[in-house]
Amino acid sequence: MYLVVFRNRKRADIDQPAYDVEAEAMEQMARCQPGFLSFKSYAAEDGEVIALSEWDSEESARAWGRVAEHRAAQQAGREHYYASYTLYGCADPRIHHFTAEDRK
């Protein structure tokens, strides 16, 4: 598995409806890419957003990064939406899982 963590802060003056439309389109497109496993996004009280995507391999995550529509959305993000961001790519993350049912 390959994990991508995208930490970002939006600009104060973004066109939020336009951003929301583009973000939804990119999520739907990512879900159709070979190797896609999951996506979730979380917003903190201070405005920072963390988006997590899981892929079956680094190659599939990087391939998504090269899709033309995704490249255009990345450029639009830098030009219009993001004040800052940091992207982390994690190959073979160590995974620990617990559920209460495991204790039975």
Protein backbone atom coordinates (compact mmCIF):
# COMPACT_ATOMS: atom_id res chain seq x y z
CA MET A 1 0.00 0.00 0.00
CA TYR A 2 1.04 3.59 -0.63
CA LEU A 3 -0.35 6.43 1.48
CA VAL A 4 -0.58 10.05 0.32
CA VAL A 5 -1.14 12.76 2.94
CA PHE A 6 -2.02 16.22 1.62
CA ARG A 7 -1.95 18.95 4.30
CA ASN A 8 -3.23 22.30 3.10
CA ARG A 9 -4.55 25.70 3.99
CA LYS A 10 -6.88 27.57 1.66
CA ARG A 11 -6.57 31.23 0.79
CA ALA A 12 -9.03 33.50 2.54
CA ASP A 13 -10.37 34.84 -0.76
CA ILE A 14 -10.98 31.61 -2.70
CA ASP A 15 -14.11 30.98 -4.73
CA GLN A 16 -15.36 28.19 -2.43
CA PRO A 17 -18.15 26.95 -4.74
CA ALA A 18 -15.69 26.65 -7.64
CA TYR A 19 -13.20 24.84 -5.41
CA ASP A 20 -15.88 22.44 -4.17
CA VAL A 21 -16.92 21.55 -7.73
CA GLU A 22 -13.32 20.93 -8.78
CA ALA A 23 -12.50 18.93 -5.64
CA GLU A 24 -15.55 16.70 -6.14
CA ALA A 25 -14.65 16.11 -9.80
CA MET A 26 -11.07 15.17 -8.84
CA GLU A 27 -12.24 12.80 -6.11
CA GLN A 28 -14.62 11.04 -8.50
CA MET A 29 -11.90 10.78 -11.14
CA ALA A 30 -9.36 9.46 -8.61
CA ARG A 31 -11.81 6.77 -7.51
CA CYS A 32 -11.79 5.45 -11.10
CA GLN A 33 -8.01 5.23 -11.37
CA PRO A 34 -6.25 1.85 -11.31
CA GLY A 35 -4.87 1.15 -7.86
CA PHE A 36 -7.12 3.59 -5.96
CA LEU A 37 -8.16 2.23 -2.55
CA SER A 38 -9.68 5.05 -0.48
CA PHE A 39 -9.94 8.78 0.16
CA LYS A 40 -10.96 10.85 3.19
CA SER A 41 -10.54 14.48 4.13
CA TYR A 42 -10.58 16.13 7.55
CA ALA A 43 -10.69 19.80 8.51
CA ALA A 44 -9.23 21.12 11.76
CA GLU A 45 -10.70 24.01 13.74
CA ASP A 46 -7.76 26.21 12.71
CA GLY A 47 -8.57 25.77 9.01
CA GLU A 48 -5.96 23.22 8.10
CA VAL A 49 -7.24 20.33 5.97
CA ILE A 50 -5.70 16.88 5.77
CA ALA A 51 -6.66 14.65 2.85
CA LEU A 52 -5.61 11.00 2.93
CA SER A 53 -5.59 8.75 -0.10
CA GLU A 54 -4.57 5.11 -0.18
CA TRP A 55 -3.24 3.40 -3.30
CA ASP A 56 -2.17 -0.15 -3.99
CA SER A 57 1.31 1.05 -5.03
CA GLU A 58 3.51 4.09 -5.39
CA GLU A 59 3.27 3.67 -9.16
CA SER A 60 -0.52 3.97 -9.13
CA ALA A 61 -0.40 7.07 -6.90
CA ARG A 62 2.19 8.70 -9.15
CA ALA A 63 0.19 7.79 -12.26
CA TRP A 64 -2.79 9.65 -10.78
CA GLY A 65 -0.52 12.64 -10.25
CA ARG A 66 0.24 12.65 -13.98
CA VAL A 67 -3.36 12.52 -15.26
CA ALA A 68 -3.86 15.65 -17.40
CA GLU A 69 -7.03 16.82 -15.63
CA HIS A 70 -5.41 16.29 -12.25
CA ARG A 71 -2.32 18.26 -13.38
CA ALA A 72 -4.61 21.14 -14.42
CA ALA A 73 -6.39 21.01 -11.04
CA GLN A 74 -3.02 21.05 -9.25
CA GLN A 75 -2.04 24.18 -11.17
CA ALA A 76 -5.40 25.82 -10.41
CA GLY A 77 -4.87 24.97 -6.74
CA ARG A 78 -1.52 26.76 -6.67
CA GLU A 79 -2.87 29.75 -8.60
CA HIS A 80 -6.28 30.19 -6.97
CA TYR A 81 -7.00 28.07 -3.90
CA TYR A 82 -4.08 27.18 -1.65
CA ALA A 83 -2.15 29.47 0.67
CA SER A 84 0.17 26.55 1.43
CA TYR A 85 0.37 22.79 1.25
CA THR A 86 2.65 19.87 2.04
CA LEU A 87 2.36 16.49 0.35
CA TYR A 88 3.72 13.32 1.97
CA GLY A 89 4.09 10.04 0.10
CA CYS A 90 4.57 7.02 2.33
CA ALA A 91 5.58 3.67 0.89
CA ASP A 92 4.66 0.63 2.96
CA PRO A 93 3.48 2.50 6.05
CA ARG A 94 3.48 0.51 9.25
CA ILE A 95 -0.14 -0.29 10.04
CA HIS A 96 -1.64 -1.15 13.42
CA HIS A 97 -5.34 -1.93 13.56
CA PHE A 98 -7.64 -2.45 16.53
CA THR A 99 -11.35 -3.11 16.91
CA ALA A 100 -13.15 -3.85 20.13
CA GLU A 101 -14.34 -7.11 18.58
CA ASP A 102 -10.71 -8.26 18.49
CA ARG A 103 -10.85 -8.53 22.29
CA LYS A 104 -13.69 -11.07 22.34
